[in-house]
PDB file of N, CA and C in Angstrom:
ATOM      1  N   UNK A   1      -1.081 -23.804  -6.328  1.00  0.00           N
ATOM      2  CA  UNK A   1      -0.830 -23.337  -4.983  1.00  0.00           C
ATOM      3  C   UNK A   1      -1.409 -21.955  -4.712  1.00  0.00           C
ATOM      4  N   UNK A   2      -1.837 -21.246  -5.706  1.00  0.00           N
ATOM      5  CA  UNK A   2      -2.304 -19.884  -5.489  1.00  0.00           C
ATOM      6  C   UNK A   2      -3.819 -19.826  -5.447  1.00  0.00           C
ATOM      7  N   UNK A   3      -4.320 -18.738  -4.898  1.00  0.00           N
ATOM      8  CA  UNK A   3      -5.749 -18.492  -4.897  1.00  0.00           C
ATOM      9  C   UNK A   3      -5.989 -17.118  -5.512  1.00  0.00           C
ATOM     10  N   UNK A   4      -7.090 -16.510  -5.219  1.00  0.00           N
ATOM     11  CA  UNK A   4      -7.419 -15.218  -5.817  1.00  0.00           C
ATOM     12  C   UNK A   4      -6.668 -14.057  -5.176  1.00  0.00           C
ATOM     13  N   UNK A   5      -5.855 -14.310  -4.165  1.00  0.00           N
ATOM     14  CA  UNK A   5      -5.112 -13.236  -3.517  1.00  0.00           C
ATOM     15  C   UNK A   5      -4.055 -12.637  -4.420  1.00  0.00           C
ATOM     16  N   UNK A   6      -3.515 -13.424  -5.330  1.00  0.00           N
ATOM     17  CA  UNK A   6      -2.447 -12.958  -6.194  1.00  0.00           C
ATOM     18  C   UNK A   6      -2.775 -13.323  -7.634  1.00  0.00           C
ATOM     19  N   UNK A   7      -2.331 -12.471  -8.549  1.00  0.00           N
ATOM     20  CA  UNK A   7      -2.478 -12.796  -9.953  1.00  0.00           C
ATOM     21  C   UNK A   7      -1.530 -13.930 -10.292  1.00  0.00           C
ATOM     22  N   UNK A   8      -1.840 -14.649 -11.337  1.00  0.00           N
ATOM     23  CA  UNK A   8      -1.071 -15.828 -11.712  1.00  0.00           C
ATOM     24  C   UNK A   8       0.423 -15.533 -11.850  1.00  0.00           C
ATOM     25  N   UNK A   9       0.806 -14.392 -12.434  1.00  0.00           N
ATOM     26  CA  UNK A   9       2.208 -14.082 -12.650  1.00  0.00           C
ATOM     27  C   UNK A   9       2.920 -13.464 -11.466  1.00  0.00           C
ATOM     28  N   UNK A  10       2.208 -13.147 -10.385  1.00  0.00           N
ATOM     29  CA  UNK A  10       2.833 -12.563  -9.196  1.00  0.00           C
ATOM     30  C   UNK A  10       3.574 -13.661  -8.443  1.00  0.00           C
ATOM     31  N   UNK A  11       4.868 -13.423  -8.186  1.00  0.00           N
ATOM     32  CA  UNK A  11       5.718 -14.432  -7.548  1.00  0.00           C
ATOM     33  C   UNK A  11       6.136 -13.960  -6.159  1.00  0.00           C
ATOM     34  N   UNK A  12       6.007 -14.834  -5.182  1.00  0.00           N
ATOM     35  CA  UNK A  12       6.414 -14.569  -3.799  1.00  0.00           C
ATOM     36  C   UNK A  12       7.504 -15.583  -3.473  1.00  0.00           C
ATOM     37  N   UNK A  13       8.746 -15.087  -3.377  1.00  0.00           N
ATOM     38  CA  UNK A  13       9.908 -15.956  -3.251  1.00  0.00           C
ATOM     39  C   UNK A  13      10.453 -15.839  -1.836  1.00  0.00           C
ATOM     40  N   UNK A  14      10.490 -16.970  -1.137  1.00  0.00           N
ATOM     41  CA  UNK A  14      10.917 -17.019   0.265  1.00  0.00           C
ATOM     42  C   UNK A  14      12.309 -17.630   0.349  1.00  0.00           C
ATOM     43  N   UNK A  15      13.181 -17.002   1.116  1.00  0.00           N
ATOM     44  CA  UNK A  15      14.510 -17.544   1.386  1.00  0.00           C
ATOM     45  C   UNK A  15      14.373 -18.644   2.442  1.00  0.00           C
ATOM     46  N   UNK A  16      14.787 -19.847   2.095  1.00  0.00           N
ATOM     47  CA  UNK A  16      14.704 -20.968   3.043  1.00  0.00           C
ATOM     48  C   UNK A  16      16.059 -21.308   3.656  1.00  0.00           C
ATOM     49  N   UNK A  17      17.089 -20.494   3.361  1.00  0.00           N
ATOM     50  CA  UNK A  17      18.416 -20.753   3.903  1.00  0.00           C
ATOM     51  C   UNK A  17      18.535 -20.425   5.380  1.00  0.00           C
ATOM     52  N   UNK A  18      17.680 -19.561   5.860  1.00  0.00           N
ATOM     53  CA  UNK A  18      17.702 -19.173   7.271  1.00  0.00           C
ATOM     54  C   UNK A  18      16.561 -19.839   8.022  1.00  0.00           C
ATOM     55  N   UNK A  19      16.721 -19.930   9.296  1.00  0.00           N
ATOM     56  CA  UNK A  19      15.713 -20.551  10.150  1.00  0.00           C
ATOM     57  C   UNK A  19      14.362 -19.864  10.006  1.00  0.00           C
ATOM     58  N   UNK A  20      13.331 -20.654   9.804  1.00  0.00           N
ATOM     59  CA  UNK A  20      11.976 -20.137   9.706  1.00  0.00           C
ATOM     60  C   UNK A  20      11.489 -19.950   8.286  1.00  0.00           C
ATOM     61  N   UNK A  21      12.385 -19.913   7.327  1.00  0.00           N
ATOM     62  CA  UNK A  21      11.996 -19.691   5.938  1.00  0.00           C
ATOM     63  C   UNK A  21      11.110 -20.798   5.390  1.00  0.00           C
ATOM     64  N   UNK A  22      11.469 -22.040   5.683  1.00  0.00           N
ATOM     65  CA  UNK A  22      10.661 -23.170   5.200  1.00  0.00           C
ATOM     66  C   UNK A  22       9.274 -23.136   5.827  1.00  0.00           C
ATOM     67  N   UNK A  23       9.195 -22.736   7.089  1.00  0.00           N
ATOM     68  CA  UNK A  23       7.889 -22.632   7.762  1.00  0.00           C
ATOM     69  C   UNK A  23       7.027 -21.558   7.106  1.00  0.00           C
ATOM     70  N   UNK A  24       7.636 -20.431   6.760  1.00  0.00           N
ATOM     71  CA  UNK A  24       6.889 -19.371   6.099  1.00  0.00           C
ATOM     72  C   UNK A  24       6.403 -19.842   4.734  1.00  0.00           C
ATOM     73  N   UNK A  25       7.268 -20.488   3.977  1.00  0.00           N
ATOM     74  CA  UNK A  25       6.874 -20.976   2.648  1.00  0.00           C
ATOM     75  C   UNK A  25       5.684 -21.923   2.758  1.00  0.00           C
ATOM     76  N   UNK A  26       5.708 -22.811   3.723  1.00  0.00           N
ATOM     77  CA  UNK A  26       4.586 -23.741   3.924  1.00  0.00           C
ATOM     78  C   UNK A  26       3.306 -22.995   4.287  1.00  0.00           C
ATOM     79  N   UNK A  27       3.439 -21.978   5.128  1.00  0.00           N
ATOM     80  CA  UNK A  27       2.261 -21.206   5.560  1.00  0.00           C
ATOM     81  C   UNK A  27       1.643 -20.418   4.408  1.00  0.00           C
ATOM     82  N   UNK A  28       2.424 -20.120   3.377  1.00  0.00           N
ATOM     83  CA  UNK A  28       1.928 -19.336   2.251  1.00  0.00           C
ATOM     84  C   UNK A  28       1.259 -20.181   1.171  1.00  0.00           C
ATOM     85  N   UNK A  29       1.459 -21.483   1.219  1.00  0.00           N
ATOM     86  CA  UNK A  29       0.842 -22.361   0.221  1.00  0.00           C
ATOM     87  C   UNK A  29      -0.671 -22.195   0.291  1.00  0.00           C
ATOM     88  N   UNK A  30      -1.264 -21.949  -0.869  1.00  0.00           N
ATOM     89  CA  UNK A  30      -2.697 -21.729  -0.947  1.00  0.00           C
ATOM     90  C   UNK A  30      -3.100 -20.277  -0.763  1.00  0.00           C
ATOM     91  N   UNK A  31      -2.153 -19.435  -0.370  1.00  0.00           N
ATOM     92  CA  UNK A  31      -2.424 -18.008  -0.185  1.00  0.00           C
ATOM     93  C   UNK A  31      -1.866 -17.180  -1.341  1.00  0.00           C
ATOM     94  N   UNK A  32      -0.648 -17.533  -1.799  1.00  0.00           N
ATOM     95  CA  UNK A  32       0.040 -16.815  -2.879  1.00  0.00           C
ATOM     96  C   UNK A  32       0.799 -17.830  -3.733  1.00  0.00           C
ATOM     97  N   UNK A  33       1.325 -17.356  -4.870  1.00  0.00           N
ATOM     98  CA  UNK A  33       2.185 -18.191  -5.716  1.00  0.00           C
ATOM     99  C   UNK A  33       3.562 -18.223  -5.057  1.00  0.00           C
ATOM    100  N   UNK A  34       3.793 -19.186  -4.195  1.00  0.00           N
ATOM    101  CA  UNK A  34       5.024 -19.223  -3.412  1.00  0.00           C
ATOM    102  C   UNK A  34       6.088 -20.064  -4.100  1.00  0.00           C
ATOM    103  N   UNK A  35       7.309 -19.526  -4.063  1.00  0.00           N
ATOM    104  CA  UNK A  35       8.494 -20.212  -4.547  1.00  0.00           C
ATOM    105  C   UNK A  35       9.538 -20.102  -3.443  1.00  0.00           C
ATOM    106  N   UNK A  36      10.587 -20.894  -3.531  1.00  0.00           N
ATOM    107  CA  UNK A  36      11.658 -20.810  -2.539  1.00  0.00           C
ATOM    108  C   UNK A  36      13.006 -20.692  -3.240  1.00  0.00           C
ATOM    109  N   UNK A  37      13.959 -20.170  -2.492  1.00  0.00           N
ATOM    110  CA  UNK A  37      15.344 -20.117  -2.936  1.00  0.00           C
ATOM    111  C   UNK A  37      16.218 -20.390  -1.722  1.00  0.00           C
ATOM    112  N   UNK A  38      17.426 -20.875  -1.957  1.00  0.00           N
ATOM    113  CA  UNK A  38      18.313 -21.251  -0.852  1.00  0.00           C
ATOM    114  C   UNK A  38      18.869 -20.055  -0.084  1.00  0.00           C
ATOM    115  N   UNK A  39      19.125 -18.946  -0.776  1.00  0.00           N
ATOM    116  CA  UNK A  39      19.722 -17.806  -0.087  1.00  0.00           C
ATOM    117  C   UNK A  39      19.482 -16.518  -0.868  1.00  0.00           C
ATOM    118  N   UNK A  40      19.128 -15.459  -0.160  1.00  0.00           N
ATOM    119  CA  UNK A  40      18.987 -14.127  -0.766  1.00  0.00           C
ATOM    120  C   UNK A  40      20.082 -13.180  -0.270  1.00  0.00           C
ATOM    121  N   UNK A  41      21.049 -13.706   0.469  1.00  0.00           N
ATOM    122  CA  UNK A  41      22.182 -12.923   0.969  1.00  0.00           C
ATOM    123  C   UNK A  41      21.790 -11.765   1.876  1.00  0.00           C
ATOM    124  N   UNK A  42      20.743 -11.946   2.647  1.00  0.00           N
ATOM    125  CA  UNK A  42      20.353 -10.963   3.658  1.00  0.00           C
ATOM    126  C   UNK A  42      20.266 -11.712   4.984  1.00  0.00           C
ATOM    127  N   UNK A  43      21.289 -12.501   5.254  1.00  0.00           N
ATOM    128  CA  UNK A  43      21.272 -13.439   6.377  1.00  0.00           C
ATOM    129  C   UNK A  43      21.257 -12.763   7.740  1.00  0.00           C
ATOM    130  N   UNK A  44      21.637 -11.497   7.811  1.00  0.00           N
ATOM    131  CA  UNK A  44      21.671 -10.813   9.101  1.00  0.00           C
ATOM    132  C   UNK A  44      20.272 -10.458   9.607  1.00  0.00           C
ATOM    133  N   UNK A  45      19.256 -10.601   8.734  1.00  0.00           N
ATOM    134  CA  UNK A  45      17.898 -10.246   9.144  1.00  0.00           C
ATOM    135  C   UNK A  45      16.882 -11.201   8.503  1.00  0.00           C
ATOM    136  N   UNK A  46      16.912 -12.475   8.899  1.00  0.00           N
ATOM    137  CA  UNK A  46      15.976 -13.441   8.301  1.00  0.00           C
ATOM    138  C   UNK A  46      14.550 -13.175   8.780  1.00  0.00           C
ATOM    139  N   UNK A  47      13.581 -13.481   8.101  1.00  0.00           N
ATOM    140  CA  UNK A  47      13.436 -14.217   6.851  1.00  0.00           C
ATOM    141  C   UNK A  47      13.260 -13.206   5.721  1.00  0.00           C
ATOM    142  N   UNK A  48      13.817 -13.514   4.541  1.00  0.00           N
ATOM    143  CA  UNK A  48      13.691 -12.625   3.387  1.00  0.00           C
ATOM    144  C   UNK A  48      12.574 -13.105   2.471  1.00  0.00           C
ATOM    145  N   UNK A  49      11.912 -12.134   1.852  1.00  0.00           N
ATOM    146  CA  UNK A  49      10.825 -12.398   0.922  1.00  0.00           C
ATOM    147  C   UNK A  49      10.944 -11.413  -0.231  1.00  0.00           C
ATOM    148  N   UNK A  50      10.951 -11.929  -1.454  1.00  0.00           N
ATOM    149  CA  UNK A  50      10.934 -11.084  -2.643  1.00  0.00           C
ATOM    150  C   UNK A  50       9.585 -11.243  -3.321  1.00  0.00           C
ATOM    151  N   UNK A  51       9.096 -10.145  -3.875  1.00  0.00           N
ATOM    152  CA  UNK A  51       7.833 -10.161  -4.612  1.00  0.00           C
ATOM    153  C   UNK A  51       8.110  -9.520  -5.959  1.00  0.00           C
ATOM    154  N   UNK A  52       7.722 -10.238  -7.031  1.00  0.00           N
ATOM    155  CA  UNK A  52       7.973  -9.701  -8.364  1.00  0.00           C
ATOM    156  C   UNK A  52       6.994 -10.253  -9.373  1.00  0.00           C
ATOM    157  N   UNK A  53       6.864  -9.527 -10.469  1.00  0.00           N
ATOM    158  CA  UNK A  53       6.022  -9.937 -11.586  1.00  0.00           C
ATOM    159  C   UNK A  53       6.468  -9.155 -12.809  1.00  0.00           C
ATOM    160  N   UNK A  54       6.258  -9.728 -13.956  1.00  0.00           N
ATOM    161  CA  UNK A  54       6.601  -9.068 -15.219  1.00  0.00           C
ATOM    162  C   UNK A  54       5.873  -7.730 -15.329  1.00  0.00           C
ATOM    163  N   UNK A  55       6.643  -6.664 -15.610  1.00  0.00           N
ATOM    164  CA  UNK A  55       6.052  -5.352 -15.808  1.00  0.00           C
ATOM    165  C   UNK A  55       5.621  -4.630 -14.551  1.00  0.00           C
ATOM    166  N   UNK A  56       5.977  -5.170 -13.388  1.00  0.00           N
ATOM    167  CA  UNK A  56       5.606  -4.554 -12.114  1.00  0.00           C
ATOM    168  C   UNK A  56       6.849  -4.267 -11.279  1.00  0.00           C
ATOM    169  N   UNK A  57       6.704  -3.340 -10.338  1.00  0.00           N
ATOM    170  CA  UNK A  57       7.764  -3.097  -9.374  1.00  0.00           C
ATOM    171  C   UNK A  57       8.013  -4.371  -8.575  1.00  0.00           C
ATOM    172  N   UNK A  58       9.260  -4.572  -8.179  1.00  0.00           N
ATOM    173  CA  UNK A  58       9.627  -5.711  -7.333  1.00  0.00           C
ATOM    174  C   UNK A  58       9.909  -5.194  -5.924  1.00  0.00           C
ATOM    175  N   UNK A  59       9.701  -6.054  -4.935  1.00  0.00           N
ATOM    176  CA  UNK A  59       9.894  -5.687  -3.535  1.00  0.00           C
ATOM    177  C   UNK A  59      10.797  -6.693  -2.845  1.00  0.00           C
ATOM    178  N   UNK A  60      11.590  -6.207  -1.879  1.00  0.00           N
ATOM    179  CA  UNK A  60      12.384  -7.080  -1.019  1.00  0.00           C
ATOM    180  C   UNK A  60      12.062  -6.731   0.426  1.00  0.00           C
ATOM    181  N   UNK A  61      11.654  -7.747   1.170  1.00  0.00           N
ATOM    182  CA  UNK A  61      11.367  -7.616   2.592  1.00  0.00           C
ATOM    183  C   UNK A  61      12.349  -8.488   3.365  1.00  0.00           C
ATOM    184  N   UNK A  62      12.778  -8.029   4.541  1.00  0.00           N
ATOM    185  CA  UNK A  62      13.587  -8.855   5.436  1.00  0.00           C
ATOM    186  C   UNK A  62      13.016  -8.758   6.848  1.00  0.00           C
ATOM    187  N   UNK A  63      13.361  -9.732   7.668  1.00  0.00           N
ATOM    188  CA  UNK A  63      12.828  -9.762   9.024  1.00  0.00           C
ATOM    189  C   UNK A  63      11.359 -10.124   9.056  1.00  0.00           C
ATOM    190  N   UNK A  64      10.902 -10.875   8.055  1.00  0.00           N
ATOM    191  CA  UNK A  64       9.492 -11.251   7.946  1.00  0.00           C
ATOM    192  C   UNK A  64       9.156 -12.297   9.001  1.00  0.00           C
ATOM    193  N   UNK A  65       8.091 -12.088   9.716  1.00  0.00           N
ATOM    194  CA  UNK A  65       7.637 -13.007  10.766  1.00  0.00           C
ATOM    195  C   UNK A  65       6.899 -14.182  10.124  1.00  0.00           C
ATOM    196  N   UNK A  66       7.388 -15.419  10.317  1.00  0.00           N
ATOM    197  CA  UNK A  66       6.729 -16.574   9.701  1.00  0.00           C
ATOM    198  C   UNK A  66       5.340 -16.864  10.262  1.00  0.00           C
ATOM    199  N   UNK A  67       5.004 -16.230  11.367  1.00  0.00           N
ATOM    200  CA  UNK A  67       3.695 -16.460  11.987  1.00  0.00           C
ATOM    201  C   UNK A  67       2.637 -15.466  11.526  1.00  0.00           C
ATOM    202  N   UNK A  68       2.948 -14.654  10.508  1.00  0.00           N
ATOM    203  CA  UNK A  68       1.969 -13.674  10.011  1.00  0.00           C
ATOM    204  C   UNK A  68       1.760 -13.790   8.496  1.00  0.00           C
ATOM    205  N   UNK A  69       1.419 -14.983   8.005  1.00  0.00           N
ATOM    206  CA  UNK A  69       1.179 -15.117   6.561  1.00  0.00           C
ATOM    207  C   UNK A  69       0.004 -14.273   6.080  1.00  0.00           C
ATOM    208  N   UNK A  70      -0.888 -13.907   6.990  1.00  0.00           N
ATOM    209  CA  UNK A  70      -2.026 -13.078   6.589  1.00  0.00           C
ATOM    210  C   UNK A  70      -1.579 -11.681   6.154  1.00  0.00           C
ATOM    211  N   UNK A  71      -0.462 -11.185   6.701  1.00  0.00           N
ATOM    212  CA  UNK A  71       0.062  -9.891   6.259  1.00  0.00           C
ATOM    213  C   UNK A  71       0.556  -9.985   4.818  1.00  0.00           C
ATOM    214  N   UNK A  72       1.199 -11.096   4.489  1.00  0.00           N
ATOM    215  CA  UNK A  72       1.695 -11.307   3.128  1.00  0.00           C
ATOM    216  C   UNK A  72       0.521 -11.481   2.171  1.00  0.00           C
ATOM    217  N   UNK A  73      -0.494 -12.179   2.607  1.00  0.00           N
ATOM    218  CA  UNK A  73      -1.684 -12.348   1.779  1.00  0.00           C
ATOM    219  C   UNK A  73      -2.359 -10.992   1.531  1.00  0.00           C
ATOM    220  N   UNK A  74      -2.395 -10.137   2.540  1.00  0.00           N
ATOM    221  CA  UNK A  74      -2.967  -8.796   2.370  1.00  0.00           C
ATOM    222  C   UNK A  74      -2.136  -7.991   1.375  1.00  0.00           C
ATOM    223  N   UNK A  75      -0.798  -8.103   1.472  1.00  0.00           N
ATOM    224  CA  UNK A  75       0.065  -7.422   0.509  1.00  0.00           C
ATOM    225  C   UNK A  75      -0.178  -7.976  -0.897  1.00  0.00           C
ATOM    226  N   UNK A  76      -0.365  -9.286  -1.007  1.00  0.00           N
ATOM    227  CA  UNK A  76      -0.621  -9.919  -2.308  1.00  0.00           C
ATOM    228  C   UNK A  76      -1.857  -9.329  -2.973  1.00  0.00           C
ATOM    229  N   UNK A  77      -2.874  -9.051  -2.194  1.00  0.00           N
ATOM    230  CA  UNK A  77      -4.098  -8.458  -2.743  1.00  0.00           C
ATOM    231  C   UNK A  77      -3.828  -7.047  -3.255  1.00  0.00           C
ATOM    232  N   UNK A  78      -3.048  -6.271  -2.509  1.00  0.00           N
ATOM    233  CA  UNK A  78      -2.690  -4.922  -2.948  1.00  0.00           C
ATOM    234  C   UNK A  78      -1.860  -4.972  -4.225  1.00  0.00           C
ATOM    235  N   UNK A  79      -0.910  -5.882  -4.255  1.00  0.00           N
ATOM    236  CA  UNK A  79      -0.010  -6.032  -5.405  1.00  0.00           C
ATOM    237  C   UNK A  79      -0.792  -6.482  -6.639  1.00  0.00           C
ATOM    238  N   UNK A  80      -1.686  -7.420  -6.468  1.00  0.00           N
ATOM    239  CA  UNK A  80      -2.496  -7.922  -7.586  1.00  0.00           C
ATOM    240  C   UNK A  80      -3.378  -6.815  -8.157  1.00  0.00           C
ATOM    241  N   UNK A  81      -3.852  -5.930  -7.306  1.00  0.00           N
ATOM    242  CA  UNK A  81      -4.752  -4.862  -7.747  1.00  0.00           C
ATOM    243  C   UNK A  81      -4.017  -3.706  -8.415  1.00  0.00           C
ATOM    244  N   UNK A  82      -2.709  -3.663  -8.283  1.00  0.00           N
ATOM    245  CA  UNK A  82      -1.931  -2.566  -8.845  1.00  0.00           C
ATOM    246  C   UNK A  82      -1.342  -2.967 -10.195  1.00  0.00           C
ATOM    247  N   UNK A  83      -1.696  -2.275 -11.260  1.00  0.00           N
ATOM    248  CA  UNK A  83      -1.202  -2.653 -12.582  1.00  0.00           C
ATOM    249  C   UNK A  83       0.318  -2.536 -12.732  1.00  0.00           C
ATOM    250  N   UNK A  84       0.932  -1.600 -11.997  1.00  0.00           N
ATOM    251  CA  UNK A  84       2.382  -1.433 -12.107  1.00  0.00           C
ATOM    252  C   UNK A  84       3.134  -1.897 -10.857  1.00  0.00           C
ATOM    253  N   UNK A  85       2.419  -2.430  -9.886  1.00  0.00           N
ATOM    254  CA  UNK A  85       3.046  -2.927  -8.664  1.00  0.00           C
ATOM    255  C   UNK A  85       3.332  -1.865  -7.626  1.00  0.00           C
ATOM    256  N   UNK A  86       3.047  -0.622  -7.920  1.00  0.00           N
ATOM    257  CA  UNK A  86       3.295   0.458  -6.966  1.00  0.00           C
ATOM    258  C   UNK A  86       2.179   0.473  -5.921  1.00  0.00           C
ATOM    259  N   UNK A  87       2.560   0.331  -4.670  1.00  0.00           N
ATOM    260  CA  UNK A  87       1.589   0.332  -3.580  1.00  0.00           C
ATOM    261  C   UNK A  87       1.851   1.574  -2.732  1.00  0.00           C
ATOM    262  N   UNK A  88       0.888   2.448  -2.711  1.00  0.00           N
ATOM    263  CA  UNK A  88       1.060   3.727  -2.021  1.00  0.00           C
ATOM    264  C   UNK A  88       0.608   3.677  -0.564  1.00  0.00           C
ATOM    265  N   UNK A  89      -0.307   2.799  -0.232  1.00  0.00           N
ATOM    266  CA  UNK A  89      -0.792   2.679   1.146  1.00  0.00           C
ATOM    267  C   UNK A  89      -0.735   1.212   1.548  1.00  0.00           C
ATOM    268  N   UNK A  90       0.319   0.849   2.246  1.00  0.00           N
ATOM    269  CA  UNK A  90       0.535  -0.556   2.619  1.00  0.00           C
ATOM    270  C   UNK A  90       0.018  -0.886   4.017  1.00  0.00           C
ATOM    271  N   UNK A  91      -0.740   0.005   4.625  1.00  0.00           N
ATOM    272  CA  UNK A  91      -1.248  -0.268   5.974  1.00  0.00           C
ATOM    273  C   UNK A  91      -2.020  -1.579   6.081  1.00  0.00           C
ATOM    274  N   UNK A  92      -2.799  -1.979   5.055  1.00  0.00           N
ATOM    275  CA  UNK A  92      -3.498  -3.268   5.176  1.00  0.00           C
ATOM    276  C   UNK A  92      -2.557  -4.476   5.302  1.00  0.00           C
ATOM    277  N   UNK A  93      -1.283  -4.300   4.936  1.00  0.00           N
ATOM    278  CA  UNK A  93      -0.318  -5.402   5.014  1.00  0.00           C
ATOM    279  C   UNK A  93       0.272  -5.556   6.413  1.00  0.00           C
ATOM    280  N   UNK A  94      -0.250  -4.853   7.374  1.00  0.00           N
ATOM    281  CA  UNK A  94       0.176  -5.029   8.767  1.00  0.00           C
ATOM    282  C   UNK A  94       1.659  -4.783   8.971  1.00  0.00           C
ATOM    283  N   UNK A  95       2.281  -5.637   9.774  1.00  0.00           N
ATOM    284  CA  UNK A  95       3.692  -5.482  10.134  1.00  0.00           C
ATOM    285  C   UNK A  95       4.632  -5.687   8.952  1.00  0.00           C
ATOM    286  N   UNK A  96       4.175  -6.343   7.897  1.00  0.00           N
ATOM    287  CA  UNK A  96       5.041  -6.576   6.738  1.00  0.00           C
ATOM    288  C   UNK A  96       5.569  -5.262   6.170  1.00  0.00           C
ATOM    289  N   UNK A  97       4.778  -4.208   6.217  1.00  0.00           N
ATOM    290  CA  UNK A  97       5.206  -2.932   5.632  1.00  0.00           C
ATOM    291  C   UNK A  97       6.455  -2.377   6.326  1.00  0.00           C
ATOM    292  N   UNK A  98       6.699  -2.767   7.564  1.00  0.00           N
ATOM    293  CA  UNK A  98       7.886  -2.314   8.284  1.00  0.00           C
ATOM    294  C   UNK A  98       9.116  -3.157   7.968  1.00  0.00           C
ATOM    295  N   UNK A  99       8.941  -4.220   7.186  1.00  0.00           N
ATOM    296  CA  UNK A  99      10.042  -5.113   6.798  1.00  0.00           C
ATOM    297  C   UNK A  99      10.599  -4.769   5.428  1.00  0.00           C
ATOM    298  N   UNK A 100      10.047  -3.750   4.787  1.00  0.00           N
ATOM    299  CA  UNK A 100      10.467  -3.397   3.428  1.00  0.00           C
ATOM    300  C   UNK A 100      11.894  -2.874   3.418  1.00  0.00           C
ATOM    301  N   UNK A 101      12.734  -3.478   2.588  1.00  0.00           N
ATOM    302  CA  UNK A 101      14.102  -3.021   2.372  1.00  0.00           C
ATOM    303  C   UNK A 101      14.150  -2.129   1.145  1.00  0.00           C
ATOM    304  N   UNK A 102      13.422  -2.516   0.104  1.00  0.00           N
ATOM    305  CA  UNK A 102      13.429  -1.696  -1.086  1.00  0.00           C
ATOM    306  C   UNK A 102      12.413  -2.120  -2.122  1.00  0.00           C
ATOM    307  N   UNK A 103      12.095  -1.151  -2.982  1.00  0.00           N
ATOM    308  CA  UNK A 103      11.205  -1.380  -4.117  1.00  0.00           C
ATOM    309  C   UNK A 103      11.991  -1.043  -5.378  1.00  0.00           C
ATOM    310  N   UNK A 104      11.974  -1.956  -6.342  1.00  0.00           N
ATOM    311  CA  UNK A 104      12.695  -1.768  -7.595  1.00  0.00           C
ATOM    312  C   UNK A 104      11.648  -1.488  -8.676  1.00  0.00           C
ATOM    313  N   UNK A 105      11.751  -0.350  -9.358  1.00  0.00           N
ATOM    314  CA  UNK A 105      10.771  -0.033 -10.392  1.00  0.00           C
ATOM    315  C   UNK A 105      10.760  -1.091 -11.499  1.00  0.00           C
ATOM    316  N   UNK A 106       9.623  -1.205 -12.155  1.00  0.00           N
ATOM    317  CA  UNK A 106       9.491  -2.181 -13.252  1.00  0.00           C
ATOM    318  C   UNK A 106      10.377  -1.791 -14.400  1.00  0.00           C
TER     319      UNK A 106
END
């Protein structure tokens, strides 16, 4: 399901418990290594997206627009290029950068 936008171990996990999550997961197929989960417990601001990989910082986004998978793909390229997952300039990720709830160090 992934292409060159993300490294093989980079995981993009979409919450499908809220409306729109399944649509976002479908839109990401072929763009990133997409996985789904039933609930991320951030139901007050759907859609939630977690990004993680072994040895890299993890990210949690909420309020992600399912109609902008290209922003997630742009973030995937930044994340793949960063050896530790730290992204200092997220402007190429468009509106997704405003959905960031937190970054967890590796």
